[in-house]
Protein backbone atom coordinates (compact mmCIF):
# COMPACT_ATOMS: atom_id res chain seq x y z
CA MET A 1 22.89 -92.60 -1.93
CA SER A 2 25.38 -92.97 0.81
CA LYS A 3 26.14 -91.95 3.39
CA ARG A 4 29.46 -90.07 1.83
CA GLY A 5 27.69 -88.24 -0.77
CA THR A 6 25.37 -86.93 1.40
CA THR A 7 28.19 -85.48 3.30
CA ILE A 8 29.71 -84.10 0.14
CA MET A 9 26.41 -82.58 -0.96
CA ALA A 10 26.05 -81.11 2.11
CA THR A 11 29.65 -79.55 2.06
CA LYS A 12 29.38 -77.78 -0.48
CA LEU A 13 25.66 -76.19 -0.26
CA LEU A 14 27.54 -74.92 3.19
CA LYS A 15 30.69 -73.28 0.68
CA GLN A 16 28.20 -72.15 -1.71
CA THR A 17 25.39 -70.66 1.26
CA ALA A 18 28.80 -69.19 2.98
CA ALA A 19 30.00 -67.52 -0.64
CA ALA A 20 26.64 -65.69 -1.43
CA SER A 21 26.60 -64.42 2.28
CA LEU A 22 29.60 -63.13 1.78
CA THR A 23 29.06 -61.68 -1.57
CA ALA A 24 26.19 -59.93 -0.38
CA ALA A 25 27.92 -59.01 2.74
CA LEU A 26 30.31 -57.18 0.44
CA SER A 27 27.86 -55.80 -1.89
CA LEU A 28 26.00 -54.34 1.09
CA GLY A 29 29.16 -52.50 2.97
CA ALA A 30 29.95 -50.74 -0.42
CA THR A 31 26.88 -49.73 -0.84
CA ASN A 32 26.46 -48.26 2.17
CA ALA A 33 30.11 -46.49 1.94
CA TRP A 34 28.67 -44.95 -1.24
CA ALA A 35 25.64 -44.24 0.57
CA GLN A 36 27.78 -42.47 3.69
CA GLU A 37 29.96 -40.77 0.76
CA GLY A 38 27.22 -39.32 -1.04
CA ALA A 39 25.78 -38.22 2.32
CA ALA A 40 28.73 -36.86 3.48
CA ARG A 41 29.29 -34.87 -0.19
CA THR A 42 25.41 -33.28 0.06
CA ALA A 43 25.45 -32.32 3.72
CA ALA A 44 29.01 -30.26 3.28
CA ALA A 45 27.17 -28.80 -0.43
CA VAL A 46 23.83 -27.61 1.65
CA PRO A 47 24.68 -24.62 3.34
CA HIS A 48 23.11 -24.52 6.99
CA ASP A 49 21.40 -21.19 6.98
CA LEU A 50 18.60 -20.59 4.13
CA SER A 51 17.61 -17.06 4.89
CA ALA A 52 18.27 -14.41 3.18
CA MET A 53 21.14 -13.40 4.07
CA GLY A 54 22.83 -16.92 4.50
CA MET A 55 22.28 -17.34 1.05
CA PHE A 56 23.94 -14.30 0.36
CA LEU A 57 27.17 -15.14 2.12
CA ASN A 58 27.19 -18.25 0.49
CA ALA A 59 26.76 -17.37 -3.02
CA ASP A 60 29.14 -17.01 -5.75
CA GLY A 61 31.36 -14.05 -5.88
CA VAL A 62 29.73 -13.00 -9.22
CA VAL A 63 26.62 -13.45 -7.64
CA LYS A 64 27.28 -11.20 -4.29
CA ALA A 65 28.61 -8.35 -6.16
CA VAL A 66 25.26 -8.16 -8.71
CA ILE A 67 23.43 -8.40 -5.21
CA LEU A 68 25.25 -5.52 -3.95
CA GLY A 69 25.35 -3.39 -7.33
CA LEU A 70 21.53 -3.66 -6.97
CA LEU A 71 21.47 -2.52 -3.51
CA ALA A 72 23.09 0.44 -3.93
CA ALA A 73 20.69 1.16 -7.12
CA SER A 74 18.24 0.53 -4.63
CA VAL A 75 19.18 3.20 -2.11
CA VAL A 76 19.91 5.74 -4.91
CA THR A 77 16.42 5.06 -5.60
CA TRP A 78 15.29 5.92 -1.97
CA THR A 79 17.54 8.75 -1.72
CA ILE A 80 15.89 10.36 -5.43
CA LEU A 81 12.78 10.23 -3.92
CA LEU A 82 13.33 11.88 -0.86
CA ALA A 83 15.44 14.75 -2.34
CA LYS A 84 13.74 15.42 -5.49
CA GLY A 85 10.26 14.67 -3.42
CA LEU A 86 10.93 18.04 -1.17
CA GLU A 87 12.74 19.89 -4.36
CA LEU A 88 9.90 19.64 -6.38
CA ARG A 89 7.22 20.31 -3.17
CA ALA A 90 8.93 23.26 -2.18
CA ALA A 91 9.73 24.90 -6.01
CA ARG A 92 5.82 24.08 -6.35
CA GLY A 93 4.68 25.97 -3.18
CA ARG A 94 7.37 28.79 -4.61
CA LEU A 95 6.17 29.26 -7.83
CA GLN A 96 2.58 29.90 -6.56
CA GLY A 97 3.22 32.40 -3.82
CA SER A 98 4.81 34.39 -6.97
CA LEU A 99 1.62 33.87 -9.23
CA ASP A 100 -0.49 35.09 -6.77
CA THR A 101 1.72 38.51 -6.84
CA LEU A 102 2.28 38.66 -10.45
CA ASP A 103 -1.91 38.25 -10.37
CA ASP A 104 -2.08 41.21 -7.49
CA ALA A 105 0.63 43.50 -9.20
CA PRO A 106 -0.61 46.46 -11.97
CA SER A 107 2.49 46.42 -13.45
CA LEU A 108 6.00 44.85 -14.17
CA ASP A 109 7.63 47.43 -12.04
CA VAL A 110 5.72 46.81 -9.28
CA ALA A 111 5.89 43.28 -9.11
CA ALA A 112 9.50 42.93 -9.30
CA SER A 113 9.76 45.17 -6.38
CA GLN A 114 7.29 42.64 -4.21
CA LEU A 115 9.45 39.55 -5.85
CA THR A 116 12.53 40.49 -2.99
CA GLY A 117 12.20 36.87 -1.16
CA GLU A 118 14.33 33.97 -2.06
CA ALA A 119 11.33 31.98 -2.43
CA ASP A 120 10.53 34.33 -5.10
CA ALA A 121 14.20 34.12 -7.53
CA LEU A 122 12.70 32.15 -10.00
CA ALA A 123 9.89 34.51 -10.63
CA LEU A 124 12.21 37.73 -9.94
CA ALA A 125 14.37 36.35 -12.75
CA PHE A 126 11.19 36.02 -15.12
CA ALA A 127 10.18 39.96 -14.22
CA ARG A 128 13.76 41.18 -14.70
CA ALA A 129 14.87 38.97 -18.22
CA ALA A 130 10.98 40.57 -19.42
CA SER A 131 12.40 44.04 -17.99
CA ALA A 132 15.49 44.13 -19.47
CA GLU A 133 14.16 43.19 -22.84
CA ARG A 134 11.58 45.90 -22.77
CA ALA A 135 14.37 48.36 -22.22
CA LEU A 136 17.04 47.11 -24.69
CA SER A 137 13.84 47.31 -27.20
CA ASP A 138 12.31 50.96 -25.67
CA GLY A 139 11.19 52.79 -28.80
CA LEU A 140 10.10 49.75 -31.16
CA PRO A 141 6.79 48.72 -31.60
CA ALA A 142 5.18 46.41 -29.21
CA GLU A 143 4.30 43.18 -30.83
CA GLY A 144 8.44 43.01 -31.49
CA VAL A 145 9.00 43.59 -27.79
CA LYS A 146 6.42 40.77 -27.03
CA GLU A 147 8.26 38.25 -29.34
CA ARG A 148 11.74 39.05 -28.32
CA VAL A 149 10.47 38.91 -24.31
CA VAL A 150 8.52 35.20 -24.62
CA LEU A 151 11.52 34.02 -26.41
CA ARG A 152 13.69 35.08 -23.31
CA LEU A 153 10.64 33.50 -20.83
CA GLU A 154 10.95 30.02 -23.24
CA ARG A 155 14.57 29.45 -22.62
CA LEU A 156 13.96 30.48 -19.01
CA GLU A 157 11.14 28.03 -18.44
CA ALA A 158 13.57 25.29 -20.28
CA LYS A 159 16.05 25.93 -17.75
CA ALA A 160 14.22 25.59 -15.31
CA ARG A 161 12.44 22.41 -16.21
CA ARG A 162 16.32 20.94 -16.79
CA ALA A 163 17.10 22.08 -13.46
CA ILE A 164 14.15 20.31 -11.78
CA VAL A 165 14.40 17.06 -13.66
CA ARG A 166 18.12 16.23 -13.02
CA GLY A 167 18.40 13.02 -11.33
CA THR A 168 15.35 11.43 -12.45
CA GLY A 169 17.07 10.05 -15.19
CA VAL A 170 18.39 7.70 -13.21
CA LEU A 171 15.39 5.89 -11.96
CA ALA A 172 14.56 5.18 -15.87
CA THR A 173 17.60 3.71 -16.03
CA ILE A 174 17.77 1.50 -12.62
CA GLY A 175 14.22 0.60 -13.38
CA ALA A 176 15.03 -0.61 -17.01
CA THR A 177 18.48 -2.50 -16.26
CA ALA A 178 17.80 -3.77 -12.50
CA PRO A 179 15.25 -6.29 -13.74
CA PHE A 180 18.22 -7.71 -16.44
CA VAL A 181 21.05 -7.49 -14.22
CA GLY A 182 19.51 -9.76 -11.48
CA LEU A 183 18.85 -12.07 -14.68
CA PHE A 184 22.38 -12.23 -15.05
CA GLY A 185 22.88 -13.21 -11.86
CA THR A 186 20.34 -15.63 -11.44
CA VAL A 187 21.69 -17.32 -14.83
CA TRP A 188 25.22 -17.40 -13.66
CA GLY A 189 23.63 -18.93 -10.02
CA ILE A 190 22.05 -21.46 -12.01
CA MET A 191 25.57 -22.58 -14.00
CA ASN A 192 27.22 -22.71 -10.32
CA SER A 193 24.36 -25.41 -9.68
CA PHE A 194 24.69 -27.31 -11.94
CA ILE A 195 28.92 -27.27 -11.81
CA GLY A 196 28.23 -28.57 -8.43
CA ILE A 197 25.84 -31.18 -9.46
CA SER A 198 28.62 -32.70 -11.87
CA LYS A 199 31.19 -32.41 -9.02
CA THR A 200 29.22 -34.42 -6.67
CA GLN A 201 27.86 -36.60 -9.25
CA THR A 202 24.13 -36.38 -7.83
CA THR A 203 20.96 -34.80 -8.74
CA SER A 204 19.54 -34.59 -5.24
CA LEU A 205 17.72 -31.80 -4.70
CA ALA A 206 19.05 -31.00 -1.27
CA VAL A 207 22.60 -30.13 -3.75
CA VAL A 208 20.54 -28.25 -6.45
CA ALA A 209 18.30 -26.46 -4.68
CA PRO A 210 20.51 -24.44 -2.54
CA GLY A 211 22.25 -22.71 -5.86
CA ILE A 212 18.93 -22.28 -7.36
CA ALA A 213 17.38 -20.51 -4.23
CA GLU A 214 21.05 -18.37 -4.19
CA ALA A 215 20.43 -17.40 -7.69
CA LEU A 216 16.72 -16.58 -7.49
CA LEU A 217 17.63 -14.42 -4.85
CA ALA A 218 19.52 -12.56 -7.74
CA THR A 219 16.38 -12.05 -9.46
CA ALA A 220 14.25 -11.22 -6.50
CA THR A 221 16.87 -8.15 -5.57
CA GLY A 222 16.74 -6.99 -9.27
CA LEU A 223 12.50 -6.61 -9.34
CA VAL A 224 12.68 -5.15 -5.52
CA ALA A 225 15.61 -2.38 -6.87
CA ALA A 226 13.21 -2.07 -9.91
CA ILE A 227 10.00 -1.83 -9.13
CA PRO A 228 10.33 1.42 -6.80
CA ALA A 229 12.05 3.22 -9.37
CA VAL A 230 9.56 3.02 -11.83
CA VAL A 231 7.00 4.22 -9.58
CA VAL A 232 9.01 6.61 -8.58
CA TYR A 233 9.48 7.65 -11.82
CA ASN A 234 6.26 7.85 -13.03
CA VAL A 235 5.04 9.79 -9.71
CA PHE A 236 7.88 12.06 -10.46
CA ALA A 237 6.72 12.41 -13.95
CA ARG A 238 3.52 13.63 -12.76
CA LYS A 239 4.84 15.89 -11.00
CA VAL A 240 6.90 17.73 -13.11
CA ASP A 241 4.13 18.16 -15.35
CA GLY A 242 2.34 19.92 -12.74
CA TYR A 243 5.45 22.41 -12.25
CA ARG A 244 5.81 23.02 -15.62
CA VAL A 245 2.44 23.74 -15.84
CA LEU A 246 3.02 26.53 -12.85
CA LEU A 247 6.07 27.74 -15.02
CA ALA A 248 3.78 28.70 -17.89
CA ASP A 249 1.45 30.35 -15.48
CA VAL A 250 4.58 32.29 -14.10
CA SER A 251 5.64 33.30 -17.95
CA ALA A 252 2.07 33.82 -18.88
CA GLY A 253 1.51 36.52 -15.92
CA VAL A 254 5.13 38.09 -16.33
CA LEU A 255 4.07 38.50 -20.27
CA ARG A 256 0.70 40.10 -18.90
CA LEU A 257 2.71 42.42 -17.60
CA VAL A 258 4.64 43.53 -20.07
CA SER A 259 1.48 43.47 -22.63
CA ARG A 260 -0.06 45.69 -19.82
CA ASP A 261 2.90 48.16 -19.66
CA LEU A 262 3.16 48.90 -23.39
CA ASP A 263 -0.60 48.97 -24.29
CA ARG A 264 -0.51 51.81 -21.06
CA ALA A 265 2.84 53.52 -22.54
CA GLN A 266 1.38 54.06 -26.56
CA ALA A 267 -2.16 54.56 -24.38
CA GLY A 268 0.01 57.60 -23.02
CA VAL A 269 1.85 58.88 -25.95
CA ALA A 270 -1.85 59.32 -28.28
CA GLN A 271 -3.35 61.13 -24.94
CA VAL A 272 -0.06 63.29 -25.09
CA ARG A 273 -0.04 63.63 -29.17
CA SER A 274 -4.19 64.22 -28.72
CA ARG A 275 -3.37 67.58 -26.38
CA ALA A 276 -0.52 68.65 -28.33
CA ALA A 277 -3.22 68.37 -31.58
CA GLU A 278 -5.96 70.19 -29.43
């Protein structure tokens, strides 16, 4: 091969090598630019604070509303726990004291005269209702009087039971609905995460994880609201059952005094008739 041919071939090889190097450089530059752009989008998509408060602040408006509603429900639960717990404790104590008075009283009139304090208001209402029915049924058969007294006392018991359970139904509602409300917030947050993936055109965990974490925060808040509500509702259900037993005991105590007074009156009438017959 001549010297000139060798030079031409070397020149061609140099040109091909330069073209390949240029192509590789351009490709590498494009790749680096795409990577830098993707990293910038990823950094912009990821919140800097992944604490509970940070996730809440970076959450969607709907998820924020769900979380705030669940937190409000949790506050309602604890408020009912404190208020209704104190009310039940005081009511049980008052009924127990009134029951002791009824057990020691020889007659209904004596019991009514001893039930004078504010703590005895419910038992006094029972005694007054029985006295009123006895006065209205004066001269009628004793069995009919007892039946009518029982009816009056049953109505008072029902009224007292409704008063003591007022507000506890909210606990059942919170316990039943809070998990589903939290689940709604989770579904909404995951939908937003998928929308973010489509906008950034990347499936990087750094992009997906924050949105899912924000969504799961709604579920966690729902459980925080629901679990105490269910527990408190069950505790109150047991305490209300005990209160109903005390109500029944007070009603039975009043009815016992009514029966005793009626039997005493009948015995007095029998003695008068016996003396008149003599």
